Amino acid sequence: MEQQTYFQTSSEDKIIGKHVFGNLYDLDEELLTDKDLLEKIVLEAVNIAKMNLVEIKAWKFGGKKGGVSVIALVEESHIALHTWNEYKYATLDVYTCGEQSDPQAAFNYIVAQLKPRRYQMFYADRSSA
């Protein structure tokens, strides 16, 4: 009979997934459509969270429910910000699998810059094992 060797994971092999996300309410409508400013805010959040930027993209959408989407692809995962100016609303998603990165710091920075009247924040542990 053939002997099988199984891969044993150690703490060094574990993925440390940290996901901070939420909803931001009652935001300034002008801020929600300023693509350049929102991109700058997300870029600074990448630095604050000690993430390594791969690429950042931003898009402005027109129409009744127009807004802006900013996606920062980082080596550790991503930051995504989506706004809807008609509703004065935004969603924010900061996910990292980097052991040294701090998604909470990025989330807090973006919220401080956007100044919602109220917001919800959630946390999910997305670690392996």
N, C-alpha and C. Protein backbone atom coordinates (compact mmCIF):
# COMPACT_ATOMS: atom_id res chain seq x y z
N MET A 1 0.84 -1.17 0.00
CA MET A 1 0.00 0.00 0.00
C MET A 1 0.88 1.24 0.00
N GLU A 2 0.51 2.21 -0.83
CA GLU A 2 1.28 3.45 -0.96
C GLU A 2 0.99 4.38 0.21
N GLN A 3 2.05 4.94 0.77
CA GLN A 3 1.90 5.88 1.88
C GLN A 3 1.64 7.28 1.33
N GLN A 4 0.67 7.97 1.92
CA GLN A 4 0.35 9.33 1.49
C GLN A 4 0.90 10.33 2.50
N THR A 5 1.40 11.42 1.96
CA THR A 5 1.88 12.50 2.81
C THR A 5 0.89 13.65 2.69
N TYR A 6 0.43 14.14 3.80
CA TYR A 6 -0.52 15.25 3.81
C TYR A 6 0.20 16.54 4.14
N PHE A 7 -0.20 17.59 3.48
CA PHE A 7 0.38 18.91 3.74
C PHE A 7 -0.12 19.40 5.08
N GLN A 8 0.77 19.74 5.94
CA GLN A 8 0.41 20.25 7.26
C GLN A 8 0.57 21.76 7.24
N THR A 9 -0.45 22.46 7.63
CA THR A 9 -0.34 23.92 7.68
C THR A 9 0.19 24.34 9.03
N SER A 10 0.97 25.38 9.02
CA SER A 10 1.46 25.96 10.26
C SER A 10 0.88 27.36 10.37
N SER A 11 1.13 28.00 11.49
CA SER A 11 0.63 29.36 11.66
C SER A 11 1.23 30.28 10.59
N GLU A 12 2.41 29.94 10.08
CA GLU A 12 3.05 30.75 9.04
C GLU A 12 2.29 30.66 7.72
N ASP A 13 1.57 29.55 7.51
CA ASP A 13 0.83 29.35 6.27
C ASP A 13 -0.58 29.92 6.32
N LYS A 14 -1.03 30.34 7.47
CA LYS A 14 -2.38 30.82 7.65
C LYS A 14 -2.59 32.17 6.97
N ILE A 15 -3.72 32.32 6.31
CA ILE A 15 -4.10 33.61 5.74
C ILE A 15 -4.81 34.40 6.83
N ILE A 16 -4.36 35.60 7.06
CA ILE A 16 -4.95 36.47 8.07
C ILE A 16 -5.89 37.43 7.35
N GLY A 17 -7.14 37.06 7.21
CA GLY A 17 -8.11 37.88 6.49
C GLY A 17 -8.87 38.79 7.43
N LYS A 18 -8.78 40.10 7.19
CA LYS A 18 -9.50 41.09 8.00
C LYS A 18 -10.35 41.93 7.06
N HIS A 19 -11.64 41.97 7.31
CA HIS A 19 -12.57 42.64 6.41
C HIS A 19 -13.41 43.65 7.22
N VAL A 20 -13.23 44.92 6.93
CA VAL A 20 -14.00 45.99 7.57
C VAL A 20 -14.83 46.63 6.46
N PHE A 21 -16.14 46.71 6.67
CA PHE A 21 -17.01 47.25 5.62
C PHE A 21 -18.21 47.92 6.26
N GLY A 22 -18.86 48.78 5.48
CA GLY A 22 -20.00 49.47 6.06
C GLY A 22 -20.74 50.37 5.09
N ASN A 23 -21.72 51.06 5.64
CA ASN A 23 -22.61 51.97 4.91
C ASN A 23 -22.50 53.36 5.52
N LEU A 24 -22.41 54.37 4.67
CA LEU A 24 -22.29 55.76 5.11
C LEU A 24 -23.51 56.53 4.62
N TYR A 25 -24.16 57.24 5.54
CA TYR A 25 -25.43 57.90 5.24
C TYR A 25 -25.33 59.42 5.39
N ASP A 26 -26.20 60.10 4.65
CA ASP A 26 -26.34 61.56 4.73
C ASP A 26 -25.01 62.27 4.48
N LEU A 27 -24.47 62.02 3.31
CA LEU A 27 -23.20 62.62 2.88
C LEU A 27 -23.45 63.85 2.01
N ASP A 28 -22.45 64.69 1.90
CA ASP A 28 -22.49 65.87 1.04
C ASP A 28 -22.55 65.42 -0.42
N GLU A 29 -23.60 65.82 -1.14
CA GLU A 29 -23.80 65.39 -2.53
C GLU A 29 -22.64 65.80 -3.43
N GLU A 30 -22.09 66.98 -3.23
CA GLU A 30 -20.97 67.42 -4.08
C GLU A 30 -19.74 66.54 -3.88
N LEU A 31 -19.50 66.16 -2.65
CA LEU A 31 -18.37 65.29 -2.34
C LEU A 31 -18.53 63.93 -3.02
N LEU A 32 -19.76 63.43 -3.06
CA LEU A 32 -20.04 62.11 -3.61
C LEU A 32 -19.81 62.01 -5.11
N THR A 33 -19.71 63.15 -5.79
CA THR A 33 -19.49 63.13 -7.25
C THR A 33 -18.10 63.63 -7.64
N ASP A 34 -17.26 63.93 -6.64
CA ASP A 34 -15.92 64.44 -6.92
C ASP A 34 -14.95 63.27 -7.06
N LYS A 35 -14.85 62.74 -8.27
CA LYS A 35 -14.06 61.55 -8.56
C LYS A 35 -12.60 61.73 -8.13
N ASP A 36 -12.01 62.85 -8.46
CA ASP A 36 -10.59 63.07 -8.16
C ASP A 36 -10.34 63.10 -6.65
N LEU A 37 -11.20 63.78 -5.92
CA LEU A 37 -11.04 63.85 -4.46
C LEU A 37 -11.24 62.48 -3.82
N LEU A 38 -12.25 61.74 -4.24
CA LEU A 38 -12.50 60.42 -3.67
C LEU A 38 -11.34 59.47 -3.96
N GLU A 39 -10.77 59.56 -5.16
CA GLU A 39 -9.61 58.74 -5.50
C GLU A 39 -8.43 59.10 -4.59
N LYS A 40 -8.23 60.38 -4.35
CA LYS A 40 -7.14 60.84 -3.48
C LYS A 40 -7.33 60.33 -2.04
N ILE A 41 -8.57 60.35 -1.56
CA ILE A 41 -8.88 59.88 -0.21
C ILE A 41 -8.58 58.38 -0.08
N VAL A 42 -9.02 57.60 -1.07
CA VAL A 42 -8.77 56.16 -1.03
C VAL A 42 -7.27 55.87 -1.13
N LEU A 43 -6.56 56.61 -1.95
CA LEU A 43 -5.11 56.43 -2.08
C LEU A 43 -4.41 56.70 -0.75
N GLU A 44 -4.81 57.74 -0.06
CA GLU A 44 -4.21 58.04 1.25
C GLU A 44 -4.56 56.94 2.26
N ALA A 45 -5.77 56.40 2.17
CA ALA A 45 -6.18 55.31 3.07
C ALA A 45 -5.30 54.07 2.86
N VAL A 46 -4.91 53.81 1.62
CA VAL A 46 -3.99 52.70 1.33
C VAL A 46 -2.69 52.89 2.11
N ASN A 47 -2.15 54.09 2.09
CA ASN A 47 -0.91 54.38 2.81
C ASN A 47 -1.08 54.27 4.32
N ILE A 48 -2.16 54.82 4.82
CA ILE A 48 -2.43 54.80 6.26
C ILE A 48 -2.55 53.37 6.77
N ALA A 49 -3.15 52.50 5.96
CA ALA A 49 -3.36 51.10 6.36
C ALA A 49 -2.13 50.22 6.12
N LYS A 50 -1.05 50.82 5.64
CA LYS A 50 0.18 50.08 5.36
C LYS A 50 -0.03 48.97 4.35
N MET A 51 -0.78 49.30 3.29
CA MET A 51 -1.01 48.38 2.19
C MET A 51 -0.11 48.78 1.03
N ASN A 52 0.10 47.88 0.10
CA ASN A 52 0.96 48.11 -1.06
C ASN A 52 0.10 48.21 -2.31
N LEU A 53 0.03 49.39 -2.87
CA LEU A 53 -0.83 49.64 -4.03
C LEU A 53 -0.32 48.93 -5.28
N VAL A 54 -1.23 48.27 -5.97
CA VAL A 54 -0.96 47.69 -7.28
C VAL A 54 -1.50 48.64 -8.35
N GLU A 55 -2.78 49.03 -8.18
CA GLU A 55 -3.42 49.93 -9.14
C GLU A 55 -4.67 50.52 -8.51
N ILE A 56 -4.97 51.76 -8.89
CA ILE A 56 -6.21 52.40 -8.44
C ILE A 56 -6.95 52.90 -9.66
N LYS A 57 -8.27 52.72 -9.66
CA LYS A 57 -9.13 53.19 -10.75
C LYS A 57 -10.35 53.87 -10.15
N ALA A 58 -10.85 54.86 -10.87
CA ALA A 58 -12.06 55.56 -10.43
C ALA A 58 -12.93 55.84 -11.64
N TRP A 59 -14.23 55.73 -11.44
CA TRP A 59 -15.21 55.98 -12.51
C TRP A 59 -16.32 56.87 -11.97
N LYS A 60 -16.76 57.79 -12.79
CA LYS A 60 -17.89 58.65 -12.43
C LYS A 60 -19.07 58.25 -13.31
N PHE A 61 -20.23 58.08 -12.68
CA PHE A 61 -21.42 57.66 -13.39
C PHE A 61 -22.46 58.77 -13.35
N GLY A 62 -23.13 58.98 -14.46
CA GLY A 62 -24.16 60.00 -14.53
C GLY A 62 -25.54 59.40 -14.28
N GLY A 63 -26.54 60.15 -14.65
CA GLY A 63 -27.90 59.67 -14.49
C GLY A 63 -28.47 59.98 -13.12
N LYS A 64 -29.71 59.57 -12.94
CA LYS A 64 -30.44 59.87 -11.72
C LYS A 64 -29.73 59.34 -10.46
N LYS A 65 -29.18 58.15 -10.57
CA LYS A 65 -28.52 57.54 -9.41
C LYS A 65 -27.00 57.59 -9.56
N GLY A 66 -26.50 58.62 -10.18
CA GLY A 66 -25.07 58.74 -10.45
C GLY A 66 -24.23 58.75 -9.19
N GLY A 67 -22.98 58.54 -9.39
CA GLY A 67 -22.03 58.53 -8.28
C GLY A 67 -20.65 58.20 -8.79
N VAL A 68 -19.82 57.74 -7.89
CA VAL A 68 -18.44 57.42 -8.21
C VAL A 68 -18.10 56.06 -7.60
N SER A 69 -17.30 55.30 -8.31
CA SER A 69 -16.72 54.07 -7.76
C SER A 69 -15.20 54.21 -7.81
N VAL A 70 -14.56 53.89 -6.70
CA VAL A 70 -13.10 53.90 -6.61
C VAL A 70 -12.68 52.52 -6.11
N ILE A 71 -11.80 51.88 -6.87
CA ILE A 71 -11.29 50.57 -6.49
C ILE A 71 -9.77 50.66 -6.41
N ALA A 72 -9.23 50.33 -5.26
CA ALA A 72 -7.78 50.25 -5.10
C ALA A 72 -7.43 48.78 -4.94
N LEU A 73 -6.71 48.26 -5.92
CA LEU A 73 -6.19 46.90 -5.84
C LEU A 73 -4.85 46.99 -5.12
N VAL A 74 -4.75 46.28 -4.03
CA VAL A 74 -3.51 46.27 -3.26
C VAL A 74 -2.98 44.84 -3.20
N GLU A 75 -1.70 44.70 -2.93
CA GLU A 75 -1.12 43.36 -2.84
C GLU A 75 -1.87 42.51 -1.81
N GLU A 76 -2.37 43.15 -0.78
CA GLU A 76 -3.05 42.44 0.30
C GLU A 76 -4.52 42.19 0.02
N SER A 77 -5.16 42.85 -0.93
CA SER A 77 -6.52 42.63 -1.40
C SER A 77 -7.08 43.89 -2.03
N HIS A 78 -8.00 44.64 -1.32
CA HIS A 78 -8.61 45.79 -1.99
C HIS A 78 -9.28 46.77 -1.01
N ILE A 79 -9.52 47.97 -1.54
CA ILE A 79 -10.43 48.94 -0.94
C ILE A 79 -11.40 49.32 -2.04
N ALA A 80 -12.69 49.30 -1.73
CA ALA A 80 -13.72 49.68 -2.71
C ALA A 80 -14.67 50.69 -2.07
N LEU A 81 -14.86 51.81 -2.75
CA LEU A 81 -15.78 52.85 -2.32
C LEU A 81 -16.76 53.11 -3.45
N HIS A 82 -18.06 53.05 -3.16
CA HIS A 82 -19.10 53.30 -4.15
C HIS A 82 -20.06 54.34 -3.57
N THR A 83 -20.36 55.38 -4.36
CA THR A 83 -21.26 56.44 -3.89
C THR A 83 -22.50 56.54 -4.77
N TRP A 84 -23.60 56.98 -4.18
CA TRP A 84 -24.86 57.26 -4.89
C TRP A 84 -25.29 58.66 -4.45
N ASN A 85 -25.08 59.65 -5.34
CA ASN A 85 -25.37 61.02 -4.93
C ASN A 85 -26.86 61.26 -4.67
N GLU A 86 -27.75 60.60 -5.41
CA GLU A 86 -29.18 60.81 -5.21
C GLU A 86 -29.61 60.44 -3.79
N TYR A 87 -28.97 59.44 -3.23
CA TYR A 87 -29.33 58.96 -1.90
C TYR A 87 -28.42 59.50 -0.80
N LYS A 88 -27.39 60.28 -1.18
CA LYS A 88 -26.41 60.79 -0.22
C LYS A 88 -25.81 59.63 0.58
N TYR A 89 -25.45 58.58 -0.14
CA TYR A 89 -25.10 57.30 0.45
C TYR A 89 -23.83 56.74 -0.19
N ALA A 90 -23.07 55.98 0.59
CA ALA A 90 -21.89 55.29 0.07
C ALA A 90 -21.69 53.97 0.79
N THR A 91 -21.05 53.04 0.09
CA THR A 91 -20.62 51.81 0.72
C THR A 91 -19.10 51.78 0.68
N LEU A 92 -18.53 51.20 1.70
CA LEU A 92 -17.07 51.15 1.82
C LEU A 92 -16.66 49.74 2.24
N ASP A 93 -15.68 49.19 1.54
CA ASP A 93 -15.24 47.83 1.75
C ASP A 93 -13.71 47.83 1.81
N VAL A 94 -13.15 47.41 2.92
CA VAL A 94 -11.69 47.35 3.07
C VAL A 94 -11.35 45.93 3.52
N TYR A 95 -10.68 45.20 2.64
CA TYR A 95 -10.31 43.82 2.94
C TYR A 95 -8.82 43.64 2.76
N THR A 96 -8.21 42.94 3.70
CA THR A 96 -6.78 42.69 3.60
C THR A 96 -6.43 41.32 4.13
N CYS A 97 -5.47 40.71 3.50
CA CYS A 97 -4.91 39.47 4.02
C CYS A 97 -3.46 39.71 4.45
N GLY A 98 -3.10 40.96 4.59
CA GLY A 98 -1.75 41.30 5.03
C GLY A 98 -1.67 41.32 6.55
N GLU A 99 -0.68 40.63 7.08
CA GLU A 99 -0.54 40.57 8.54
C GLU A 99 -0.23 41.92 9.14
N GLN A 100 0.48 42.79 8.43
CA GLN A 100 0.88 44.09 8.96
C GLN A 100 -0.08 45.21 8.60
N SER A 101 -1.00 44.96 7.68
CA SER A 101 -1.91 46.03 7.25
C SER A 101 -3.08 46.19 8.21
N ASP A 102 -3.67 47.37 8.20
CA ASP A 102 -4.71 47.74 9.17
C ASP A 102 -5.95 48.27 8.45
N PRO A 103 -6.88 47.39 8.09
CA PRO A 103 -8.07 47.84 7.38
C PRO A 103 -8.94 48.79 8.20
N GLN A 104 -8.91 48.64 9.52
CA GLN A 104 -9.69 49.53 10.38
C GLN A 104 -9.20 50.97 10.25
N ALA A 105 -7.90 51.16 10.17
CA ALA A 105 -7.34 52.51 10.02
C ALA A 105 -7.78 53.12 8.69
N ALA A 106 -7.79 52.33 7.62
CA ALA A 106 -8.24 52.83 6.31
C ALA A 106 -9.71 53.22 6.37
N PHE A 107 -10.53 52.35 6.95
CA PHE A 107 -11.97 52.62 7.07
C PHE A 107 -12.20 53.91 7.86
N ASN A 108 -11.55 54.02 9.00
CA ASN A 108 -11.72 55.20 9.86
C ASN A 108 -11.30 56.48 9.14
N TYR A 109 -10.21 56.43 8.40
CA TYR A 109 -9.73 57.60 7.68
C TYR A 109 -10.76 58.05 6.62
N ILE A 110 -11.26 57.11 5.84
CA ILE A 110 -12.23 57.46 4.79
C ILE A 110 -13.50 58.03 5.40
N VAL A 111 -13.99 57.42 6.48
CA VAL A 111 -15.18 57.94 7.16
C VAL A 111 -14.93 59.36 7.66
N ALA A 112 -13.77 59.60 8.25
CA ALA A 112 -13.44 60.94 8.76
C ALA A 112 -13.41 61.97 7.63
N GLN A 113 -12.94 61.58 6.45
CA GLN A 113 -12.88 62.50 5.32
C GLN A 113 -14.26 62.76 4.71
N LEU A 114 -15.12 61.75 4.68
CA LEU A 114 -16.44 61.90 4.05
C LEU A 114 -17.48 62.50 5.00
N LYS A 115 -17.24 62.40 6.29
CA LYS A 115 -18.10 63.02 7.32
C LYS A 115 -19.59 62.68 7.17
N PRO A 116 -19.94 61.41 7.19
CA PRO A 116 -21.36 61.06 7.15
C PRO A 116 -22.04 61.48 8.45
N ARG A 117 -23.33 61.76 8.38
CA ARG A 117 -24.07 62.06 9.62
C ARG A 117 -24.16 60.83 10.48
N ARG A 118 -24.23 59.66 9.82
CA ARG A 118 -24.21 58.39 10.55
C ARG A 118 -23.63 57.32 9.63
N TYR A 119 -23.14 56.26 10.24
CA TYR A 119 -22.61 55.16 9.45
C TYR A 119 -22.69 53.86 10.24
N GLN A 120 -22.63 52.76 9.51
CA GLN A 120 -22.56 51.43 10.09
C GLN A 120 -21.21 50.85 9.73
N MET A 121 -20.62 50.10 10.65
CA MET A 121 -19.37 49.43 10.38
C MET A 121 -19.50 47.98 10.83
N PHE A 122 -18.99 47.09 10.00
CA PHE A 122 -19.02 45.66 10.30
C PHE A 122 -17.60 45.10 10.15
N TYR A 123 -17.36 44.01 10.85
CA TYR A 123 -16.06 43.35 10.76
C TYR A 123 -16.30 41.86 10.55
N ALA A 124 -15.53 41.27 9.64
CA ALA A 124 -15.57 39.83 9.44
C ALA A 124 -14.15 39.29 9.47
N ASP A 125 -13.95 38.23 10.22
CA ASP A 125 -12.68 37.53 10.22
C ASP A 125 -12.73 36.56 9.04
N ARG A 126 -11.85 36.77 8.08
CA ARG A 126 -11.85 35.94 6.88
C ARG A 126 -10.56 35.14 6.80
N SER A 127 -10.04 34.79 7.97
CA SER A 127 -8.80 34.03 8.04
C SER A 127 -9.05 32.56 7.70
N SER A 128 -8.01 31.92 7.20
CA SER A 128 -8.10 30.48 6.95
C SER A 128 -7.89 29.75 8.27
N ALA A 129 -8.30 28.52 8.30
CA ALA A 129 -8.14 27.63 9.45
C ALA A 129 -8.81 28.14 10.71
